[in-house]
Amino acid sequence: MDALVGFNRSIQGRLDRISKGLDIRRCSGHPKSREYLSAIRTETNNIDYTLTAMKTLLNDERAKLRQCDELKKEILFERKRAEHMKDNWPAHLPSAVAVSPIVKSESTLAGPPLKRSSSQLSVNANKRKKQIPSLDYLTCDQFTNIPRYMRGRLSYVEMNSAIDEFHNSVEMKYNAAEASKNSQSKKKKTASVPVQHSSLKGKCYISEKELKLFGNFKVDAIGKKVLIILRHLSILKEVRAGGCVNYVIVSQ
């Protein structure tokens, strides 16, 4: 029964198409039939052109959306890096200070000369610190990529705190050396500035003995673990000279 119904619908569809064809053939004798067909063809071409232009426009907008998504990812990544830098800014690096504009009034011009600010007074100290390479804090990726057996239970905060203490110890050593150079006391100079080995000449370093004298960096189990990690990351280099172990800061 279903087969007969389907056959009937097929025959009916064919008869409808034949009827429409005959109607169009009878209309071909109309005097304006060609004009109507030409207008229909023009409208069809216009619709096709509009659809093609819309398709091209949609593809361009999709490409722009993909670029916006990539730009958004880059902005979020840079924002994450900036927040990480802000939260882990090394204490030994200068922080940005907002400077208010100076308005030159008559009282200012007529008054006494301005005093030197603390930043101006520390120019010579900054020049001295330039010889000490900065030790940057480890990033999250650097800390995560350290082998587990090497860092053990050492936390990210503890690692960066130890780096800060190590850098402070190096600064204190060289500050003491600079002060001893300017001192007239031979005894003080001999105690503060040890004899430098030839293999360490021109390098920024600190020995294990000096780590115990300057700063709060402790050469205990955690301190030795930190030194091993810094050597693993090529931030420090161990040099045995002068009868002791020296840690040379590798310039970044």
C-alpha atoms as a PDB file:
ATOM      1  CA  MET A   1       0.000   0.000   0.000  1.00  0.00           C
ATOM      2  CA  ASP A   2       2.841   2.392   0.911  1.00  0.00           C
ATOM      3  CA  ALA A   3       4.535   1.605  -2.383  1.00  0.00           C
ATOM      4  CA  LEU A   4       1.391   2.577  -4.324  1.00  0.00           C
ATOM      5  CA  VAL A   5       1.105   5.851  -2.383  1.00  0.00           C
ATOM      6  CA  GLY A   6       4.718   6.719  -3.170  1.00  0.00           C
ATOM      7  CA  PHE A   7       4.265   5.834  -6.833  1.00  0.00           C
ATOM      8  CA  ASN A   8       1.145   8.034  -6.978  1.00  0.00           C
ATOM      9  CA  ARG A   9       3.042  10.998  -5.483  1.00  0.00           C
ATOM     10  CA  SER A  10       5.882  10.561  -7.963  1.00  0.00           C
ATOM     11  CA  ILE A  11       3.466  10.519 -10.917  1.00  0.00           C
ATOM     12  CA  GLN A  12       1.638  13.549  -9.553  1.00  0.00           C
ATOM     13  CA  GLY A  13       4.904  15.493  -9.170  1.00  0.00           C
ATOM     14  CA  ARG A  14       5.904  14.748 -12.750  1.00  0.00           C
ATOM     15  CA  LEU A  15       2.481  15.833 -14.025  1.00  0.00           C
ATOM     16  CA  ASP A  16       2.787  19.107 -12.089  1.00  0.00           C
ATOM     17  CA  ARG A  17       6.201  19.828 -13.642  1.00  0.00           C
ATOM     18  CA  ILE A  18       4.837  19.074 -17.130  1.00  0.00           C
ATOM     19  CA  SER A  19       1.887  21.398 -16.495  1.00  0.00           C
ATOM     20  CA  LYS A  20       4.200  24.230 -15.396  1.00  0.00           C
ATOM     21  CA  GLY A  21       6.364  23.677 -18.458  1.00  0.00           C
ATOM     22  CA  LEU A  22       3.354  23.958 -20.744  1.00  0.00           C
ATOM     23  CA  ASP A  23       2.248  27.155 -18.972  1.00  0.00           C
ATOM     24  CA  ILE A  24       5.710  28.683 -19.493  1.00  0.00           C
ATOM     25  CA  ARG A  25       5.623  27.642 -23.178  1.00  0.00           C
ATOM     26  CA  ARG A  26       2.268  29.321 -23.673  1.00  0.00           C
ATOM     27  CA  CYS A  27       3.685  32.474 -22.058  1.00  0.00           C
ATOM     28  CA  SER A  28       6.582  32.533 -24.488  1.00  0.00           C
ATOM     29  CA  GLY A  29       4.316  34.076 -27.082  1.00  0.00           C
ATOM     30  CA  HIS A  30       3.728  37.116 -24.888  1.00  0.00           C
ATOM     31  CA  PRO A  31       5.325  40.274 -26.410  1.00  0.00           C
ATOM     32  CA  LYS A  32       7.140  41.203 -23.148  1.00  0.00           C
ATOM     33  CA  SER A  33       8.244  37.690 -22.186  1.00  0.00           C
ATOM     34  CA  ARG A  34      11.892  38.360 -23.143  1.00  0.00           C
ATOM     35  CA  GLU A  35      11.878  41.626 -21.191  1.00  0.00           C
ATOM     36  CA  TYR A  36      10.535  39.830 -18.109  1.00  0.00           C
ATOM     37  CA  LEU A  37      13.127  37.033 -18.419  1.00  0.00           C
ATOM     38  CA  SER A  38      15.936  39.588 -18.793  1.00  0.00           C
ATOM     39  CA  ALA A  39      14.755  41.431 -15.654  1.00  0.00           C
ATOM     40  CA  ILE A  40      14.570  38.161 -13.736  1.00  0.00           C
ATOM     41  CA  ARG A  41      18.115  37.268 -14.888  1.00  0.00           C
ATOM     42  CA  THR A  42      19.417  40.696 -13.775  1.00  0.00           C
ATOM     43  CA  GLU A  43      17.810  40.382 -10.341  1.00  0.00           C
ATOM     44  CA  THR A  44      19.207  36.864  -9.970  1.00  0.00           C
ATOM     45  CA  ASN A  45      22.723  38.093 -10.830  1.00  0.00           C
ATOM     46  CA  ASN A  46      22.380  40.942  -8.332  1.00  0.00           C
ATOM     47  CA  ILE A  47      21.293  38.537  -5.611  1.00  0.00           C
ATOM     48  CA  ASP A  48      24.221  36.241  -6.416  1.00  0.00           C
ATOM     49  CA  TYR A  49      26.671  39.187  -6.269  1.00  0.00           C
ATOM     50  CA  THR A  50      25.207  40.353  -2.939  1.00  0.00           C
ATOM     51  CA  LEU A  51      25.438  36.863  -1.449  1.00  0.00           C
ATOM     52  CA  THR A  52      29.077  36.560  -2.591  1.00  0.00           C
ATOM     53  CA  ALA A  53      29.937  39.940  -1.045  1.00  0.00           C
ATOM     54  CA  MET A  54      28.206  38.969   2.208  1.00  0.00           C
ATOM     55  CA  LYS A  55      30.134  35.682   2.281  1.00  0.00           C
ATOM     56  CA  THR A  56      33.446  37.540   1.797  1.00  0.00           C
ATOM     57  CA  LEU A  57      32.516  40.028   4.512  1.00  0.00           C
ATOM     58  CA  LEU A  58      31.628  37.228   6.917  1.00  0.00           C
ATOM     59  CA  ASN A  59      34.974  35.515   6.271  1.00  0.00           C
ATOM     60  CA  ASP A  60      36.810  38.804   6.951  1.00  0.00           C
ATOM     61  CA  GLU A  61      34.889  39.299  10.192  1.00  0.00           C
ATOM     62  CA  ARG A  62      35.678  35.731  11.291  1.00  0.00           C
ATOM     63  CA  ALA A  63      39.382  36.391  10.624  1.00  0.00           C
ATOM     64  CA  LYS A  64      39.210  39.606  12.677  1.00  0.00           C
ATOM     65  CA  LEU A  65      37.508  37.745  15.515  1.00  0.00           C
ATOM     66  CA  ARG A  66      40.291  35.152  15.499  1.00  0.00           C
ATOM     67  CA  GLN A  67      42.879  37.972  15.630  1.00  0.00           C
ATOM     68  CA  CYS A  68      40.984  39.553  18.529  1.00  0.00           C
ATOM     69  CA  ASP A  69      41.006  36.231  20.390  1.00  0.00           C
ATOM     70  CA  GLU A  70      44.769  35.890  19.877  1.00  0.00           C
ATOM     71  CA  LEU A  71      45.304  39.499  20.975  1.00  0.00           C
ATOM     72  CA  LYS A  72      43.159  38.880  24.063  1.00  0.00           C
ATOM     73  CA  LYS A  73      45.269  35.837  24.968  1.00  0.00           C
ATOM     74  CA  GLU A  74      48.476  37.874  24.555  1.00  0.00           C
ATOM     75  CA  ILE A  75      47.084  40.707  26.698  1.00  0.00           C
ATOM     76  CA  LEU A  76      46.042  38.263  29.434  1.00  0.00           C
ATOM     77  CA  PHE A  77      49.484  36.636  29.302  1.00  0.00           C
ATOM     78  CA  GLU A  78      51.269  39.999  29.555  1.00  0.00           C
ATOM     79  CA  ARG A  79      48.937  41.030  32.374  1.00  0.00           C
ATOM     80  CA  LYS A  80      49.768  37.824  34.233  1.00  0.00           C
ATOM     81  CA  ARG A  81      53.479  38.497  33.745  1.00  0.00           C
ATOM     82  CA  ALA A  82      53.093  42.089  34.950  1.00  0.00           C
ATOM     83  CA  GLU A  83      51.220  40.961  38.066  1.00  0.00           C
ATOM     84  CA  HIS A  84      53.892  38.341  38.716  1.00  0.00           C
ATOM     85  CA  MET A  85      56.630  40.972  38.352  1.00  0.00           C
ATOM     86  CA  LYS A  86      54.729  43.320  40.671  1.00  0.00           C
ATOM     87  CA  ASP A  87      54.263  40.648  43.356  1.00  0.00           C
ATOM     88  CA  ASN A  88      57.862  39.404  43.074  1.00  0.00           C
ATOM     89  CA  TRP A  89      59.777  42.642  42.495  1.00  0.00           C
ATOM     90  CA  PRO A  90      63.314  42.147  43.916  1.00  0.00           C
ATOM     91  CA  ALA A  91      64.005  44.256  46.976  1.00  0.00           C
ATOM     92  CA  HIS A  92      67.443  45.261  45.682  1.00  0.00           C
ATOM     93  CA  LEU A  93      66.023  46.823  42.511  1.00  0.00           C
ATOM     94  CA  PRO A  94      64.721  50.419  42.531  1.00  0.00           C
ATOM     95  CA  SER A  95      60.962  50.861  42.485  1.00  0.00           C
ATOM     96  CA  ALA A  96      59.125  53.409  40.388  1.00  0.00           C
ATOM     97  CA  VAL A  97      58.373  56.621  42.278  1.00  0.00           C
ATOM     98  CA  ALA A  98      55.845  59.149  41.007  1.00  0.00           C
ATOM     99  CA  VAL A  99      57.479  62.549  40.608  1.00  0.00           C
ATOM    100  CA  SER A 100      55.238  65.597  40.926  1.00  0.00           C
ATOM    101  CA  PRO A 101      55.919  68.443  38.486  1.00  0.00           C
ATOM    102  CA  ILE A 102      57.882  71.406  39.886  1.00  0.00           C
ATOM    103  CA  VAL A 103      56.118  74.736  39.477  1.00  0.00           C
ATOM    104  CA  LYS A 104      58.585  77.593  39.357  1.00  0.00           C
ATOM    105  CA  SER A 105      57.072  80.473  41.288  1.00  0.00           C
ATOM    106  CA  GLU A 106      58.667  83.748  42.269  1.00  0.00           C
ATOM    107  CA  SER A 107      59.229  82.511  45.832  1.00  0.00           C
ATOM    108  CA  THR A 108      60.973  79.436  44.511  1.00  0.00           C
ATOM    109  CA  LEU A 109      63.261  81.442  42.264  1.00  0.00           C
ATOM    110  CA  ALA A 110      64.074  83.934  45.011  1.00  0.00           C
ATOM    111  CA  GLY A 111      64.484  81.372  47.801  1.00  0.00           C
ATOM    112  CA  PRO A 112      67.552  79.393  48.895  1.00  0.00           C
ATOM    113  CA  PRO A 113      68.987  76.661  46.633  1.00  0.00           C
ATOM    114  CA  LEU A 114      67.225  73.315  46.731  1.00  0.00           C
ATOM    115  CA  LYS A 115      68.785  70.541  48.794  1.00  0.00           C
ATOM    116  CA  ARG A 116      69.951  67.349  47.129  1.00  0.00           C
ATOM    117  CA  SER A 117      67.456  64.543  47.346  1.00  0.00           C
ATOM    118  CA  SER A 118      68.288  61.129  48.740  1.00  0.00           C
ATOM    119  CA  SER A 119      68.380  59.735  45.197  1.00  0.00           C
ATOM    120  CA  GLN A 120      71.006  62.306  44.234  1.00  0.00           C
ATOM    121  CA  LEU A 121      73.027  61.560  47.354  1.00  0.00           C
ATOM    122  CA  SER A 122      73.085  57.859  46.470  1.00  0.00           C
ATOM    123  CA  VAL A 123      74.508  58.318  42.958  1.00  0.00           C
ATOM    124  CA  ASN A 124      77.967  57.222  44.039  1.00  0.00           C
ATOM    125  CA  ALA A 125      76.502  54.196  45.831  1.00  0.00           C
ATOM    126  CA  ASN A 126      74.589  53.244  42.696  1.00  0.00           C
ATOM    127  CA  LYS A 127      77.762  53.490  40.642  1.00  0.00           C
ATOM    128  CA  ARG A 128      79.441  51.104  43.055  1.00  0.00           C
ATOM    129  CA  LYS A 129      76.506  48.669  42.862  1.00  0.00           C
ATOM    130  CA  LYS A 130      76.706  48.516  39.087  1.00  0.00           C
ATOM    131  CA  GLN A 131      79.654  46.136  39.393  1.00  0.00           C
ATOM    132  CA  ILE A 132      77.373  43.636  41.196  1.00  0.00           C
ATOM    133  CA  PRO A 133      75.168  41.751  38.700  1.00  0.00           C
ATOM    134  CA  SER A 134      71.533  41.632  39.791  1.00  0.00           C
ATOM    135  CA  LEU A 135      70.047  38.325  40.862  1.00  0.00           C
ATOM    136  CA  ASP A 136      66.493  38.185  39.566  1.00  0.00           C
ATOM    137  CA  TYR A 137      63.834  36.154  41.288  1.00  0.00           C
ATOM    138  CA  LEU A 138      62.901  32.861  39.666  1.00  0.00           C
ATOM    139  CA  THR A 139      59.729  32.782  37.628  1.00  0.00           C
ATOM    140  CA  CYS A 140      57.027  30.203  38.270  1.00  0.00           C
ATOM    141  CA  ASP A 141      58.062  28.286  35.150  1.00  0.00           C
ATOM    142  CA  GLN A 142      61.717  28.227  36.187  1.00  0.00           C
ATOM    143  CA  PHE A 143      60.848  26.960  39.657  1.00  0.00           C
ATOM    144  CA  THR A 144      58.433  24.325  38.329  1.00  0.00           C
ATOM    145  CA  ASN A 145      61.025  22.991  35.868  1.00  0.00           C
ATOM    146  CA  ILE A 146      63.573  22.372  38.653  1.00  0.00           C
ATOM    147  CA  PRO A 147      63.824  18.602  39.235  1.00  0.00           C
ATOM    148  CA  ARG A 148      61.748  17.476  42.189  1.00  0.00           C
ATOM    149  CA  TYR A 149      64.648  15.629  43.806  1.00  0.00           C
ATOM    150  CA  MET A 150      66.681  18.848  43.732  1.00  0.00           C
ATOM    151  CA  ARG A 151      64.190  21.259  45.320  1.00  0.00           C
ATOM    152  CA  GLY A 152      62.523  18.773  47.671  1.00  0.00           C
ATOM    153  CA  ARG A 153      60.077  20.607  49.966  1.00  0.00           C
ATOM    154  CA  LEU A 154      61.562  24.007  49.184  1.00  0.00           C
ATOM    155  CA  SER A 155      58.726  26.413  48.346  1.00  0.00           C
ATOM    156  CA  TYR A 156      58.698  29.126  45.696  1.00  0.00           C
ATOM    157  CA  VAL A 157      58.607  31.898  48.309  1.00  0.00           C
ATOM    158  CA  GLU A 158      61.489  30.370  50.283  1.00  0.00           C
ATOM    159  CA  MET A 159      63.573  30.088  47.132  1.00  0.00           C
ATOM    160  CA  ASN A 160      63.157  33.741  46.166  1.00  0.00           C
ATOM    161  CA  SER A 161      63.697  34.877  49.766  1.00  0.00           C
ATOM    162  CA  ALA A 162      66.986  32.968  49.816  1.00  0.00           C
ATOM    163  CA  ILE A 163      68.010  34.613  46.535  1.00  0.00           C
ATOM    164  CA  ASP A 164      67.325  38.007  48.098  1.00  0.00           C
ATOM    165  CA  GLU A 165      69.401  37.164  51.183  1.00  0.00           C
ATOM    166  CA  PHE A 166      72.260  35.872  49.016  1.00  0.00           C
ATOM    167  CA  HIS A 167      72.280  39.082  46.980  1.00  0.00           C
ATOM    168  CA  ASN A 168      72.263  41.155  50.176  1.00  0.00           C
ATOM    169  CA  SER A 169      75.268  39.202  51.440  1.00  0.00           C
ATOM    170  CA  VAL A 170      77.162  39.929  48.215  1.00  0.00           C
ATOM    171  CA  GLU A 171      76.280  43.619  48.463  1.00  0.00           C
ATOM    172  CA  MET A 172      77.414  43.791  52.078  1.00  0.00           C
ATOM    173  CA  LYS A 173      80.716  42.147  51.168  1.00  0.00           C
ATOM    174  CA  TYR A 174      81.486  44.636  48.390  1.00  0.00           C
ATOM    175  CA  ASN A 175      80.284  47.585  50.467  1.00  0.00           C
ATOM    176  CA  ALA A 176      82.687  46.525  53.205  1.00  0.00           C
ATOM    177  CA  ALA A 177      85.454  46.149  50.628  1.00  0.00           C
ATOM    178  CA  GLU A 178      84.749  49.621  49.253  1.00  0.00           C
ATOM    179  CA  ALA A 179      84.738  51.113  52.729  1.00  0.00           C
ATOM    180  CA  SER A 180      88.004  49.396  53.585  1.00  0.00           C
ATOM    181  CA  LYS A 181      89.651  50.827  50.464  1.00  0.00           C
ATOM    182  CA  ASN A 182      88.789  54.328  51.619  1.00  0.00           C
ATOM    183  CA  SER A 183      89.870  53.642  55.181  1.00  0.00           C
ATOM    184  CA  GLN A 184      93.313  54.569  56.464  1.00  0.00           C
ATOM    185  CA  SER A 185      93.351  51.670  58.895  1.00  0.00           C
ATOM    186  CA  LYS A 186      95.586  48.907  57.568  1.00  0.00           C
ATOM    187  CA  LYS A 187      94.233  46.446  60.114  1.00  0.00           C
ATOM    188  CA  LYS A 188      90.654  46.985  59.021  1.00  0.00           C
ATOM    189  CA  LYS A 189      91.611  46.717  55.379  1.00  0.00           C
ATOM    190  CA  THR A 190      93.407  43.427  55.894  1.00  0.00           C
ATOM    191  CA  ALA A 191      90.451  41.948  57.768  1.00  0.00           C
ATOM    192  CA  SER A 192      87.805  43.058  55.260  1.00  0.00           C
ATOM    193  CA  VAL A 193      89.508  42.396  51.944  1.00  0.00           C
ATOM    194  CA  PRO A 194      90.915  38.897  51.537  1.00  0.00           C
ATOM    195  CA  VAL A 195      93.606  38.173  49.003  1.00  0.00           C
ATOM    196  CA  GLN A 196      91.914  37.594  45.628  1.00  0.00           C
ATOM    197  CA  HIS A 197      92.861  34.507  43.650  1.00  0.00           C
ATOM    198  CA  SER A 198      93.896  35.002  40.034  1.00  0.00           C
ATOM    199  CA  SER A 199      91.020  32.821  38.756  1.00  0.00           C
ATOM    200  CA  LEU A 200      88.520  35.156  40.450  1.00  0.00           C
ATOM    201  CA  LYS A 201      89.966  38.422  39.207  1.00  0.00           C
ATOM    202  CA  GLY A 202      87.353  40.708  37.623  1.00  0.00           C
ATOM    203  CA  LYS A 203      84.453  38.489  38.744  1.00  0.00           C
ATOM    204  CA  CYS A 204      81.704  39.136  41.246  1.00  0.00           C
ATOM    205  CA  TYR A 205      81.796  36.356  43.821  1.00  0.00           C
ATOM    206  CA  ILE A 206      81.469  35.453  47.472  1.00  0.00           C
ATOM    207  CA  SER A 207      83.013  32.570  49.386  1.00  0.00           C
ATOM    208  CA  GLU A 208      81.395  30.279  51.912  1.00  0.00           C
ATOM    209  CA  LYS A 209      83.398  31.928  54.684  1.00  0.00           C
ATOM    210  CA  GLU A 210      82.169  35.371  53.607  1.00  0.00           C
ATOM    211  CA  LEU A 211      78.573  34.146  53.519  1.00  0.00           C
ATOM    212  CA  LYS A 212      78.903  33.441  57.246  1.00  0.00           C
ATOM    213  CA  LEU A 213      80.295  36.922  57.876  1.00  0.00           C
ATOM    214  CA  PHE A 214      77.977  39.071  55.758  1.00  0.00           C
ATOM    215  CA  GLY A 215      74.192  39.050  55.676  1.00  0.00           C
ATOM    216  CA  ASN A 216      71.639  36.510  56.848  1.00  0.00           C
ATOM    217  CA  PHE A 217      72.164  33.800  54.235  1.00  0.00           C
ATOM    218  CA  LYS A 218      72.765  30.555  56.097  1.00  0.00           C
ATOM    219  CA  VAL A 219      74.875  27.816  54.535  1.00  0.00           C
ATOM    220  CA  ASP A 220      72.756  25.070  56.080  1.00  0.00           C
ATOM    221  CA  ALA A 221      70.810  22.260  54.403  1.00  0.00           C
ATOM    222  CA  ILE A 222      68.333  24.684  52.817  1.00  0.00           C
ATOM    223  CA  GLY A 223      71.068  27.170  51.880  1.00  0.00           C
ATOM    224  CA  LYS A 224      73.143  24.469  50.185  1.00  0.00           C
ATOM    225  CA  LYS A 225      70.045  23.305  48.322  1.00  0.00           C
ATOM    226  CA  VAL A 226      69.468  26.878  47.087  1.00  0.00           C
ATOM    227  CA  LEU A 227      73.092  27.139  45.932  1.00  0.00           C
ATOM    228  CA  ILE A 228      72.794  23.835  44.057  1.00  0.00           C
ATOM    229  CA  ILE A 229      69.637  25.057  42.300  1.00  0.00           C
ATOM    230  CA  LEU A 230      71.280  28.367  41.325  1.00  0.00           C
ATOM    231  CA  ARG A 231      74.229  26.454  39.905  1.00  0.00           C
ATOM    232  CA  HIS A 232      71.814  24.149  38.048  1.00  0.00           C
ATOM    233  CA  LEU A 233      70.141  27.207  36.489  1.00  0.00           C
ATOM    234  CA  SER A 234      73.569  28.668  35.546  1.00  0.00           C
ATOM    235  CA  ILE A 235      72.951  31.683  37.777  1.00  0.00           C
ATOM    236  CA  LEU A 236      75.949  30.840  39.942  1.00  0.00           C
ATOM    237  CA  LYS A 237      79.207  29.087  39.176  1.00  0.00           C
ATOM    238  CA  GLU A 238      81.271  27.273  41.789  1.00  0.00           C
ATOM    239  CA  VAL A 239      85.010  27.960  41.739  1.00  0.00           C
ATOM    240  CA  ARG A 240      87.397  26.346  44.213  1.00  0.00           C
ATOM    241  CA  ALA A 241      90.275  28.727  44.741  1.00  0.00           C
ATOM    242  CA  GLY A 242      92.262  30.131  47.627  1.00  0.00           C
ATOM    243  CA  GLY A 243      91.542  27.090  49.785  1.00  0.00           C
ATOM    244  CA  CYS A 244      87.768  27.622  49.862  1.00  0.00           C
ATOM    245  CA  VAL A 245      84.617  27.356  47.769  1.00  0.00           C
ATOM    246  CA  ASN A 246      83.601  30.540  45.938  1.00  0.00           C
ATOM    247  CA  TYR A 247      80.282  31.275  44.232  1.00  0.00           C
ATOM    248  CA  VAL A 248      80.631  33.467  41.142  1.00  0.00           C
ATOM    249  CA  ILE A 249      77.558  35.351  39.867  1.00  0.00           C
ATOM    250  CA  VAL A 250      77.115  34.660  36.161  1.00  0.00           C
ATOM    251  CA  SER A 251      76.186  37.834  34.312  1.00  0.00           C
ATOM    252  CA  GLN A 252      72.729  37.478  32.715  1.00  0.00           C
END
